[in-house]
Full PDB file with SEQRES, HELIX, SHEET, SSBOND, CRYST1, ORIGX, SCALE, CONECT and MASTER records, all heavy atoms in Angstrom:
SEQRES   1 A   33  ILE HIS ILE PHE ARG CYS ARG HIS ILE ASP ILE HIS SER          
SEQRES   2 A   33  GLU ALA SER LEU PRO VAL HIS LYS ASP GLY GLU ALA ARG          
SEQRES   3 A   33  ASN MET GLU ARG GLU PHE SER                                  
SHEET    1 AA1 2 ILE A  11  LYS A  21  0                                        
SHEET    2 AA1 2 GLU A  24  PHE A  32 -1                                        
CRYST1    1.000    1.000    1.000  90.00  90.00  90.00 P 1           1          
ORIGX1      1.000000  0.000000  0.000000        0.00000                         
ORIGX2      0.000000  1.000000  0.000000        0.00000                         
ORIGX3      0.000000  0.000000  1.000000        0.00000                         
SCALE1      1.000000  0.000000  0.000000        0.00000                         
SCALE2      0.000000  1.000000  0.000000        0.00000                         
SCALE3      0.000000  0.000000  1.000000        0.00000                         
ATOM      1  N   ILE A   1      38.555  30.925  27.328  1.00  0.00           N  
ATOM      2  CA  ILE A   1      39.437  30.094  28.162  1.00  0.00           C  
ATOM      3  C   ILE A   1      40.626  30.966  28.542  1.00  0.00           C  
ATOM      4  O   ILE A   1      41.334  31.492  27.688  1.00  0.00           O  
ATOM      5  CB  ILE A   1      39.944  28.845  27.401  1.00  0.00           C  
ATOM      6  CG1 ILE A   1      38.784  27.960  26.964  1.00  0.00           C  
ATOM      7  CG2 ILE A   1      40.974  28.088  28.237  1.00  0.00           C  
ATOM      8  CD1 ILE A   1      38.091  27.231  28.088  1.00  0.00           C  
ATOM      9  N   HIS A   2      40.833  31.136  29.850  1.00  0.00           N  
ATOM     10  CA  HIS A   2      41.934  31.957  30.358  1.00  0.00           C  
ATOM     11  C   HIS A   2      42.792  31.076  31.254  1.00  0.00           C  
ATOM     12  O   HIS A   2      42.269  30.412  32.158  1.00  0.00           O  
ATOM     13  CB  HIS A   2      41.416  33.148  31.153  1.00  0.00           C  
ATOM     14  CG  HIS A   2      40.369  33.933  30.428  1.00  0.00           C  
ATOM     15  ND1 HIS A   2      40.676  34.849  29.447  1.00  0.00           N  
ATOM     16  CD2 HIS A   2      39.017  33.912  30.522  1.00  0.00           C  
ATOM     17  CE1 HIS A   2      39.555  35.377  28.989  1.00  0.00           C  
ATOM     18  NE2 HIS A   2      38.535  34.825  29.622  1.00  0.00           N  
ATOM     19  N   ILE A   3      44.091  31.073  31.017  1.00  0.00           N  
ATOM     20  CA  ILE A   3      45.011  30.290  31.843  1.00  0.00           C  
ATOM     21  C   ILE A   3      46.059  31.232  32.421  1.00  0.00           C  
ATOM     22  O   ILE A   3      46.639  32.049  31.705  1.00  0.00           O  
ATOM     23  CB  ILE A   3      45.675  29.160  31.030  1.00  0.00           C  
ATOM     24  CG1 ILE A   3      44.601  28.183  30.546  1.00  0.00           C  
ATOM     25  CG2 ILE A   3      46.722  28.434  31.875  1.00  0.00           C  
ATOM     26  CD1 ILE A   3      45.113  27.016  29.742  1.00  0.00           C  
ATOM     27  N   PHE A   4      46.279  31.093  33.731  1.00  0.00           N  
ATOM     28  CA  PHE A   4      47.234  31.937  34.449  1.00  0.00           C  
ATOM     29  C   PHE A   4      48.143  31.058  35.296  1.00  0.00           C  
ATOM     30  O   PHE A   4      47.832  29.899  35.560  1.00  0.00           O  
ATOM     31  CB  PHE A   4      46.495  32.905  35.387  1.00  0.00           C  
ATOM     32  CG  PHE A   4      45.456  33.733  34.700  1.00  0.00           C  
ATOM     33  CD1 PHE A   4      44.115  33.402  34.793  1.00  0.00           C  
ATOM     34  CD2 PHE A   4      45.815  34.842  33.957  1.00  0.00           C  
ATOM     35  CE1 PHE A   4      43.141  34.160  34.169  1.00  0.00           C  
ATOM     36  CE2 PHE A   4      44.848  35.617  33.327  1.00  0.00           C  
ATOM     37  CZ  PHE A   4      43.516  35.270  33.436  1.00  0.00           C  
ATOM     38  N   ARG A   5      49.218  31.659  35.765  1.00  0.00           N  
ATOM     39  CA  ARG A   5      50.122  30.985  36.704  1.00  0.00           C  
ATOM     40  C   ARG A   5      50.341  31.923  37.883  1.00  0.00           C  
ATOM     41  O   ARG A   5      50.499  33.128  37.711  1.00  0.00           O  
ATOM     42  CB  ARG A   5      51.453  30.668  36.025  1.00  0.00           C  
ATOM     43  CG  ARG A   5      51.233  29.804  34.791  1.00  0.00           C  
ATOM     44  CD  ARG A   5      52.518  29.436  34.125  1.00  0.00           C  
ATOM     45  NE  ARG A   5      52.999  28.266  34.842  1.00  0.00           N  
ATOM     46  CZ  ARG A   5      54.272  28.000  35.045  1.00  0.00           C  
ATOM     47  NH1 ARG A   5      55.198  28.796  34.589  1.00  0.00           N  
ATOM     48  NH2 ARG A   5      54.621  26.922  35.703  1.00  0.00           N  
ATOM     49  N   CYS A   6      50.365  31.349  39.076  1.00  0.00           N  
ATOM     50  CA  CYS A   6      50.566  32.154  40.280  1.00  0.00           C  
ATOM     51  C   CYS A   6      51.029  31.241  41.408  1.00  0.00           C  
ATOM     52  O   CYS A   6      51.078  30.020  41.264  1.00  0.00           O  
ATOM     53  CB  CYS A   6      49.283  32.887  40.665  1.00  0.00           C  
ATOM     54  SG  CYS A   6      47.897  31.797  41.063  1.00  0.00           S  
ATOM     55  N   ARG A   7      51.333  31.850  42.542  1.00  0.00           N  
ATOM     56  CA  ARG A   7      51.680  31.082  43.744  1.00  0.00           C  
ATOM     57  C   ARG A   7      50.533  31.098  44.758  1.00  0.00           C  
ATOM     58  O   ARG A   7      50.447  30.253  45.620  1.00  0.00           O  
ATOM     59  CB  ARG A   7      52.948  31.646  44.378  1.00  0.00           C  
ATOM     60  CG  ARG A   7      54.177  31.502  43.509  1.00  0.00           C  
ATOM     61  CD  ARG A   7      55.430  31.937  44.262  1.00  0.00           C  
ATOM     62  NE  ARG A   7      56.594  32.196  43.470  1.00  0.00           N  
ATOM     63  CZ  ARG A   7      57.266  31.341  42.742  1.00  0.00           C  
ATOM     64  NH1 ARG A   7      56.856  30.123  42.647  1.00  0.00           N  
ATOM     65  NH2 ARG A   7      58.339  31.693  42.074  1.00  0.00           N  
ATOM     66  N   HIS A   8      49.660  32.114  44.644  1.00  0.00           N  
ATOM     67  CA  HIS A   8      48.513  32.251  45.547  1.00  0.00           C  
ATOM     68  C   HIS A   8      47.359  32.866  44.763  1.00  0.00           C  
ATOM     69  O   HIS A   8      47.577  33.787  43.973  1.00  0.00           O  
ATOM     70  CB  HIS A   8      48.865  33.140  46.742  1.00  0.00           C  
ATOM     71  CG  HIS A   8      47.699  33.386  47.647  1.00  0.00           C  
ATOM     72  ND1 HIS A   8      47.378  32.527  48.674  1.00  0.00           N  
ATOM     73  CD2 HIS A   8      46.767  34.369  47.668  1.00  0.00           C  
ATOM     74  CE1 HIS A   8      46.291  32.995  49.281  1.00  0.00           C  
ATOM     75  NE2 HIS A   8      45.904  34.106  48.688  1.00  0.00           N  
ATOM     76  N   ILE A   9      46.143  32.375  45.017  1.00  0.00           N  
ATOM     77  CA  ILE A   9      44.972  32.930  44.351  1.00  0.00           C  
ATOM     78  C   ILE A   9      43.822  33.039  45.348  1.00  0.00           C  
ATOM     79  O   ILE A   9      43.626  32.147  46.181  1.00  0.00           O  
ATOM     80  CB  ILE A   9      44.542  32.102  43.122  1.00  0.00           C  
ATOM     81  CG1 ILE A   9      43.372  32.780  42.386  1.00  0.00           C  
ATOM     82  CG2 ILE A   9      44.235  30.669  43.493  1.00  0.00           C  
ATOM     83  CD1 ILE A   9      43.071  32.184  41.027  1.00  0.00           C  
ATOM     84  N   ASP A  10      43.106  34.164  45.271  1.00  0.00           N  
ATOM     85  CA  ASP A  10      41.869  34.365  46.014  1.00  0.00           C  
ATOM     86  C   ASP A  10      40.744  34.427  44.992  1.00  0.00           C  
ATOM     87  O   ASP A  10      40.833  35.194  44.022  1.00  0.00           O  
ATOM     88  CB  ASP A  10      41.907  35.672  46.814  1.00  0.00           C  
ATOM     89  CG  ASP A  10      42.968  35.641  47.898  1.00  0.00           C  
ATOM     90  OD1 ASP A  10      42.955  34.704  48.709  1.00  0.00           O  
ATOM     91  OD2 ASP A  10      43.810  36.567  47.911  1.00  0.00           O  
ATOM     92  N   ILE A  11      39.703  33.638  45.206  1.00  0.00           N  
ATOM     93  CA  ILE A  11      38.564  33.580  44.297  1.00  0.00           C  
ATOM     94  C   ILE A  11      37.323  34.014  45.057  1.00  0.00           C  
ATOM     95  O   ILE A  11      37.071  33.521  46.157  1.00  0.00           O  
ATOM     96  CB  ILE A  11      38.372  32.152  43.744  1.00  0.00           C  
ATOM     97  CG1 ILE A  11      39.637  31.689  43.029  1.00  0.00           C  
ATOM     98  CG2 ILE A  11      37.147  32.089  42.828  1.00  0.00           C  
ATOM     99  CD1 ILE A  11      39.651  30.210  42.700  1.00  0.00           C  
ATOM    100  N   HIS A  12      36.559  34.930  44.480  1.00  0.00           N  
ATOM    101  CA  HIS A  12      35.317  35.410  45.079  1.00  0.00           C  
ATOM    102  C   HIS A  12      34.202  35.256  44.050  1.00  0.00           C  
ATOM    103  O   HIS A  12      34.341  35.689  42.913  1.00  0.00           O  
ATOM    104  CB  HIS A  12      35.436  36.876  45.504  1.00  0.00           C  
ATOM    105  CG  HIS A  12      36.567  37.117  46.439  1.00  0.00           C  
ATOM    106  ND1 HIS A  12      36.466  36.907  47.789  1.00  0.00           N  
ATOM    107  CD2 HIS A  12      37.835  37.521  46.218  1.00  0.00           C  
ATOM    108  CE1 HIS A  12      37.622  37.182  48.366  1.00  0.00           C  
ATOM    109  NE2 HIS A  12      38.468  37.550  47.428  1.00  0.00           N  
ATOM    110  N   SER A  13      33.094  34.657  44.466  1.00  0.00           N  
ATOM    111  CA  SER A  13      31.955  34.410  43.581  1.00  0.00           C  
ATOM    112  C   SER A  13      30.736  35.152  44.104  1.00  0.00           C  
ATOM    113  O   SER A  13      30.555  35.291  45.312  1.00  0.00           O  
ATOM    114  CB  SER A  13      31.667  32.906  43.531  1.00  0.00           C  
ATOM    115  OG  SER A  13      30.461  32.650  42.874  1.00  0.00           O  
ATOM    116  N   GLU A  14      29.876  35.612  43.186  1.00  0.00           N  
ATOM    117  CA  GLU A  14      28.645  36.291  43.619  1.00  0.00           C  
ATOM    118  C   GLU A  14      27.644  35.310  44.223  1.00  0.00           C  
ATOM    119  O   GLU A  14      26.750  35.705  44.946  1.00  0.00           O  
ATOM    120  CB  GLU A  14      28.008  37.040  42.449  1.00  0.00           C  
ATOM    121  CG  GLU A  14      27.375  36.139  41.416  1.00  0.00           C  
ATOM    122  CD  GLU A  14      26.662  36.890  40.318  1.00  0.00           C  
ATOM    123  OE1 GLU A  14      26.780  38.123  40.231  1.00  0.00           O  
ATOM    124  OE2 GLU A  14      25.975  36.227  39.533  1.00  0.00           O  
ATOM    125  N   ALA A  15      27.783  34.039  43.923  1.00  0.00           N  
ATOM    126  CA  ALA A  15      26.867  33.014  44.441  1.00  0.00           C  
ATOM    127  C   ALA A  15      27.676  31.903  45.094  1.00  0.00           C  
ATOM    128  O   ALA A  15      28.827  31.671  44.726  1.00  0.00           O  
ATOM    129  CB  ALA A  15      26.024  32.440  43.306  1.00  0.00           C  
ATOM    130  N   SER A  16      27.078  31.229  46.056  1.00  0.00           N  
ATOM    131  CA  SER A  16      27.721  30.056  46.646  1.00  0.00           C  
ATOM    132  C   SER A  16      27.725  28.927  45.622  1.00  0.00           C  
ATOM    133  O   SER A  16      26.700  28.622  45.026  1.00  0.00           O  
ATOM    134  CB  SER A  16      26.970  29.612  47.905  1.00  0.00           C  
ATOM    135  OG  SER A  16      27.101  30.581  48.913  1.00  0.00           O  
ATOM    136  N   LEU A  17      28.898  28.346  45.437  1.00  0.00           N  
ATOM    137  CA  LEU A  17      29.064  27.292  44.443  1.00  0.00           C  
ATOM    138  C   LEU A  17      29.752  26.090  45.070  1.00  0.00           C  
ATOM    139  O   LEU A  17      30.479  26.230  46.058  1.00  0.00           O  
ATOM    140  CB  LEU A  17      29.909  27.806  43.280  1.00  0.00           C  
ATOM    141  CG  LEU A  17      29.328  28.969  42.499  1.00  0.00           C  
ATOM    142  CD1 LEU A  17      30.371  29.521  41.527  1.00  0.00           C  
ATOM    143  CD2 LEU A  17      28.083  28.536  41.756  1.00  0.00           C  
ATOM    144  N   PRO A  18      29.557  24.901  44.494  1.00  0.00           N  
ATOM    145  CA  PRO A  18      30.245  23.724  45.036  1.00  0.00           C  
ATOM    146  C   PRO A  18      31.746  23.829  44.790  1.00  0.00           C  
ATOM    147  O   PRO A  18      32.188  24.230  43.712  1.00  0.00           O  
ATOM    148  CB  PRO A  18      29.636  22.556  44.256  1.00  0.00           C  
ATOM    149  CG  PRO A  18      29.016  23.151  43.041  1.00  0.00           C  
ATOM    150  CD  PRO A  18      28.693  24.577  43.361  1.00  0.00           C  
ATOM    151  N   VAL A  19      32.515  23.502  45.810  1.00  0.00           N  
ATOM    152  CA  VAL A  19      33.974  23.533  45.721  1.00  0.00           C  
ATOM    153  C   VAL A  19      34.472  22.107  45.878  1.00  0.00           C  
ATOM    154  O   VAL A  19      34.062  21.388  46.792  1.00  0.00           O  
ATOM    155  CB  VAL A  19      34.577  24.447  46.814  1.00  0.00           C  
ATOM    156  CG1 VAL A  19      36.088  24.346  46.833  1.00  0.00           C  
ATOM    157  CG2 VAL A  19      34.134  25.888  46.598  1.00  0.00           C  
ATOM    158  N   HIS A  20      35.365  21.714  44.977  1.00  0.00           N  
ATOM    159  CA  HIS A  20      35.997  20.400  45.046  1.00  0.00           C  
ATOM    160  C   HIS A  20      37.453  20.618  45.410  1.00  0.00           C  
ATOM    161  O   HIS A  20      38.138  21.407  44.781  1.00  0.00           O  
ATOM    162  CB  HIS A  20      35.904  19.681  43.695  1.00  0.00           C  
ATOM    163  CG  HIS A  20      34.508  19.348  43.321  1.00  0.00           C  
ATOM    164  ND1 HIS A  20      34.044  18.066  43.302  1.00  0.00           N  
ATOM    165  CD2 HIS A  20      33.466  20.124  42.963  1.00  0.00           C  
ATOM    166  CE1 HIS A  20      32.775  18.066  42.940  1.00  0.00           C  
ATOM    167  NE2 HIS A  20      32.401  19.316  42.730  1.00  0.00           N  
ATOM    168  N   LYS A  21      37.895  19.918  46.445  1.00  0.00           N  
ATOM    169  CA  LYS A  21      39.284  20.022  46.884  1.00  0.00           C  
ATOM    170  C   LYS A  21      39.937  18.671  46.667  1.00  0.00           C  
ATOM    171  O   LYS A  21      39.529  17.679  47.251  1.00  0.00           O  
ATOM    172  CB  LYS A  21      39.348  20.429  48.355  1.00  0.00           C  
ATOM    173  CG  LYS A  21      38.749  21.794  48.601  1.00  0.00           C  
ATOM    174  CD  LYS A  21      38.715  22.137  50.066  1.00  0.00           C  
ATOM    175  CE  LYS A  21      38.030  23.474  50.263  1.00  0.00           C  
ATOM    176  NZ  LYS A  21      37.864  23.807  51.669  1.00  0.00           N  
ATOM    177  N   ASP A  22      40.910  18.664  45.782  1.00  0.00           N  
ATOM    178  CA  ASP A  22      41.608  17.440  45.412  1.00  0.00           C  
ATOM    179  C   ASP A  22      40.624  16.371  44.940  1.00  0.00           C  
ATOM    180  O   ASP A  22      40.730  15.201  45.270  1.00  0.00           O  
ATOM    181  CB  ASP A  22      42.464  16.933  46.575  1.00  0.00           C  
ATOM    182  CG  ASP A  22      43.502  15.917  46.118  1.00  0.00           C  
ATOM    183  OD1 ASP A  22      43.836  15.899  44.923  1.00  0.00           O  
ATOM    184  OD2 ASP A  22      43.962  15.131  46.951  1.00  0.00           O  
ATOM    185  N   GLY A  23      39.623  16.821  44.174  1.00  0.00           N  
ATOM    186  CA  GLY A  23      38.661  15.898  43.587  1.00  0.00           C  
ATOM    187  C   GLY A  23      37.515  15.491  44.489  1.00  0.00           C  
ATOM    188  O   GLY A  23      36.599  14.796  44.060  1.00  0.00           O  
ATOM    189  N   GLU A  24      37.545  15.917  45.734  1.00  0.00           N  
ATOM    190  CA  GLU A  24      36.488  15.559  46.681  1.00  0.00           C  
ATOM    191  C   GLU A  24      35.546  16.735  46.854  1.00  0.00           C  
ATOM    192  O   GLU A  24      35.982  17.857  47.092  1.00  0.00           O  
ATOM    193  CB  GLU A  24      37.081  15.176  48.040  1.00  0.00           C  
ATOM    194  CG  GLU A  24      38.006  13.968  47.996  1.00  0.00           C  
ATOM    195  CD  GLU A  24      37.285  12.706  47.570  1.00  0.00           C  
ATOM    196  OE1 GLU A  24      36.118  12.508  47.971  1.00  0.00           O  
ATOM    197  OE2 GLU A  24      37.881  11.923  46.808  1.00  0.00           O  
ATOM    198  N   ALA A  25      34.245  16.478  46.711  1.00  0.00           N  
ATOM    199  CA  ALA A  25      33.251  17.530  46.901  1.00  0.00           C  
ATOM    200  C   ALA A  25      33.266  17.982  48.355  1.00  0.00           C  
ATOM    201  O   ALA A  25      33.289  17.166  49.263  1.00  0.00           O  
ATOM    202  CB  ALA A  25      31.870  17.029  46.504  1.00  0.00           C  
ATOM    203  N   ARG A  26      33.268  19.260  48.547  1.00  0.00           N  
ATOM    204  CA  ARG A  26      33.249  19.840  49.899  1.00  0.00           C  
ATOM    205  C   ARG A  26      31.994  20.684  50.053  1.00  0.00           C  
ATOM    206  O   ARG A  26      30.937  20.308  49.640  1.00  0.00           O  
ATOM    207  CB  ARG A  26      34.517  20.672  50.137  1.00  0.00           C  
ATOM    208  CG  ARG A  26      35.782  19.865  50.082  1.00  0.00           C  
ATOM    209  CD  ARG A  26      35.870  18.913  51.241  1.00  0.00           C  
ATOM    210  NE  ARG A  26      37.136  18.180  51.136  1.00  0.00           N  
ATOM    211  CZ  ARG A  26      37.334  17.014  51.673  1.00  0.00           C  
ATOM    212  NH1 ARG A  26      36.401  16.437  52.356  1.00  0.00           N  
ATOM    213  NH2 ARG A  26      38.486  16.410  51.532  1.00  0.00           N  
ATOM    214  N   ASN A  27      32.144  21.865  50.562  1.00  0.00           N  
ATOM    215  CA  ASN A  27      31.023  22.745  50.868  1.00  0.00           C  
ATOM    216  C   ASN A  27      30.661  23.644  49.699  1.00  0.00           C  
ATOM    217  O   ASN A  27      31.372  23.745  48.714  1.00  0.00           O  
ATOM    218  CB  ASN A  27      31.390  23.633  52.064  1.00  0.00           C  
ATOM    219  CG  ASN A  27      31.741  22.819  53.286  1.00  0.00           C  
ATOM    220  OD1 ASN A  27      31.215  21.743  53.492  1.00  0.00           O  
ATOM    221  ND2 ASN A  27      32.646  23.347  54.095  1.00  0.00           N  
ATOM    222  N   MET A  28      29.538  24.333  49.875  1.00  0.00           N  
ATOM    223  CA  MET A  28      29.165  25.438  48.990  1.00  0.00           C  
ATOM    224  C   MET A  28      29.870  26.674  49.552  1.00  0.00           C  
ATOM    225  O   MET A  28      29.746  26.969  50.736  1.00  0.00           O  
ATOM    226  CB  MET A  28      27.656  25.635  48.998  1.00  0.00           C  
ATOM    227  CG  MET A  28      26.861  24.430  48.545  1.00  0.00           C  
ATOM    228  SD  MET A  28      27.013  24.121  46.796  1.00  0.00           S  
ATOM    229  CE  MET A  28      25.963  25.394  46.134  1.00  0.00           C  
ATOM    230  N   GLU A  29      30.633  27.355  48.713  1.00  0.00           N  
ATOM    231  CA  GLU A  29      31.408  28.498  49.186  1.00  0.00           C  
ATOM    232  C   GLU A  29      31.343  29.647  48.188  1.00  0.00           C  
ATOM    233  O   GLU A  29      31.153  29.436  47.000  1.00  0.00           O  
ATOM    234  CB  GLU A  29      32.869  28.084  49.406  1.00  0.00           C  
ATOM    235  CG  GLU A  29      33.020  27.011  50.469  1.00  0.00           C  
ATOM    236  CD  GLU A  29      34.464  26.622  50.719  1.00  0.00           C  
ATOM    237  OE1 GLU A  29      35.365  27.457  50.500  1.00  0.00           O  
ATOM    238  OE2 GLU A  29      34.692  25.478  51.137  1.00  0.00           O  
ATOM    239  N   ARG A  30      31.529  30.863  48.721  1.00  0.00           N  
ATOM    240  CA  ARG A  30      31.612  32.063  47.871  1.00  0.00           C  
ATOM    241  C   ARG A  30      33.047  32.567  47.778  1.00  0.00           C  
ATOM    242  O   ARG A  30      33.389  33.289  46.855  1.00  0.00           O  
ATOM    243  CB  ARG A  30      30.727  33.170  48.427  1.00  0.00           C  
ATOM    244  CG  ARG A  30      29.245  32.840  48.301  1.00  0.00           C  
ATOM    245  CD  ARG A  30      28.396  33.944  48.805  1.00  0.00           C  
ATOM    246  NE  ARG A  30      28.581  35.096  47.903  1.00  0.00           N  
ATOM    247  CZ  ARG A  30      28.031  36.261  48.096  1.00  0.00           C  
ATOM    248  NH1 ARG A  30      27.264  36.470  49.133  1.00  0.00           N  
ATOM    249  NH2 ARG A  30      28.225  37.239  47.247  1.00  0.00           N  
ATOM    250  N   GLU A  31      33.864  32.223  48.763  1.00  0.00           N  
ATOM    251  CA  GLU A  31      35.261  32.659  48.775  1.00  0.00           C  
ATOM    252  C   GLU A  31      36.147  31.448  48.974  1.00  0.00           C  
ATOM    253  O   GLU A  31      35.829  30.541  49.746  1.00  0.00           O  
ATOM    254  CB  GLU A  31      35.495  33.672  49.883  1.00  0.00           C  
ATOM    255  CG  GLU A  31      34.709  34.944  49.680  1.00  0.00           C  
ATOM    256  CD  GLU A  31      35.048  36.013  50.706  1.00  0.00           C  
ATOM    257  OE1 GLU A  31      35.984  35.809  51.507  1.00  0.00           O  
ATOM    258  OE2 GLU A  31      34.383  37.049  50.690  1.00  0.00           O  
ATOM    259  N   PHE A  32      37.275  31.481  48.265  1.00  0.00           N  
ATOM    260  CA  PHE A  32      38.161  30.323  48.291  1.00  0.00           C  
ATOM    261  C   PHE A  32      39.573  30.793  47.973  1.00  0.00           C  
ATOM    262  O   PHE A  32      39.768  31.642  47.098  1.00  0.00           O  
ATOM    263  CB  PHE A  32      37.684  29.327  47.224  1.00  0.00           C  
ATOM    264  CG  PHE A  32      38.370  28.006  47.260  1.00  0.00           C  
ATOM    265  CD1 PHE A  32      38.131  27.116  48.282  1.00  0.00           C  
ATOM    266  CD2 PHE A  32      39.244  27.642  46.252  1.00  0.00           C  
ATOM    267  CE1 PHE A  32      38.757  25.886  48.306  1.00  0.00           C  
ATOM    268  CE2 PHE A  32      39.876  26.420  46.272  1.00  0.00           C  
ATOM    269  CZ  PHE A  32      39.633  25.537  47.299  1.00  0.00           C  
ATOM    270  N   SER A  33      40.558  30.297  48.690  1.00  0.00           N  
ATOM    271  CA  SER A  33      41.961  30.655  48.441  1.00  0.00           C  
ATOM    272  C   SER A  33      42.794  29.394  48.311  1.00  0.00           C  
ATOM    273  O   SER A  33      42.521  28.391  48.977  1.00  0.00           O  
ATOM    274  CB  SER A  33      42.516  31.495  49.596  1.00  0.00           C  
ATOM    275  OG  SER A  33      41.834  32.721  49.693  1.00  0.00           O  
TER     276      SER A  33                                                      
MASTER        0    0    0    0    2    0    0    6  275    1    0    3          
END                                                                             
């Protein structure tokens, strides 16, 4: 378990994964900021 604090984050995944924005399921994405 890793916890960090920041003002901006870029996330890159090797596979497309489900992304939830404010608790609502959205698209399958590999990159997310």
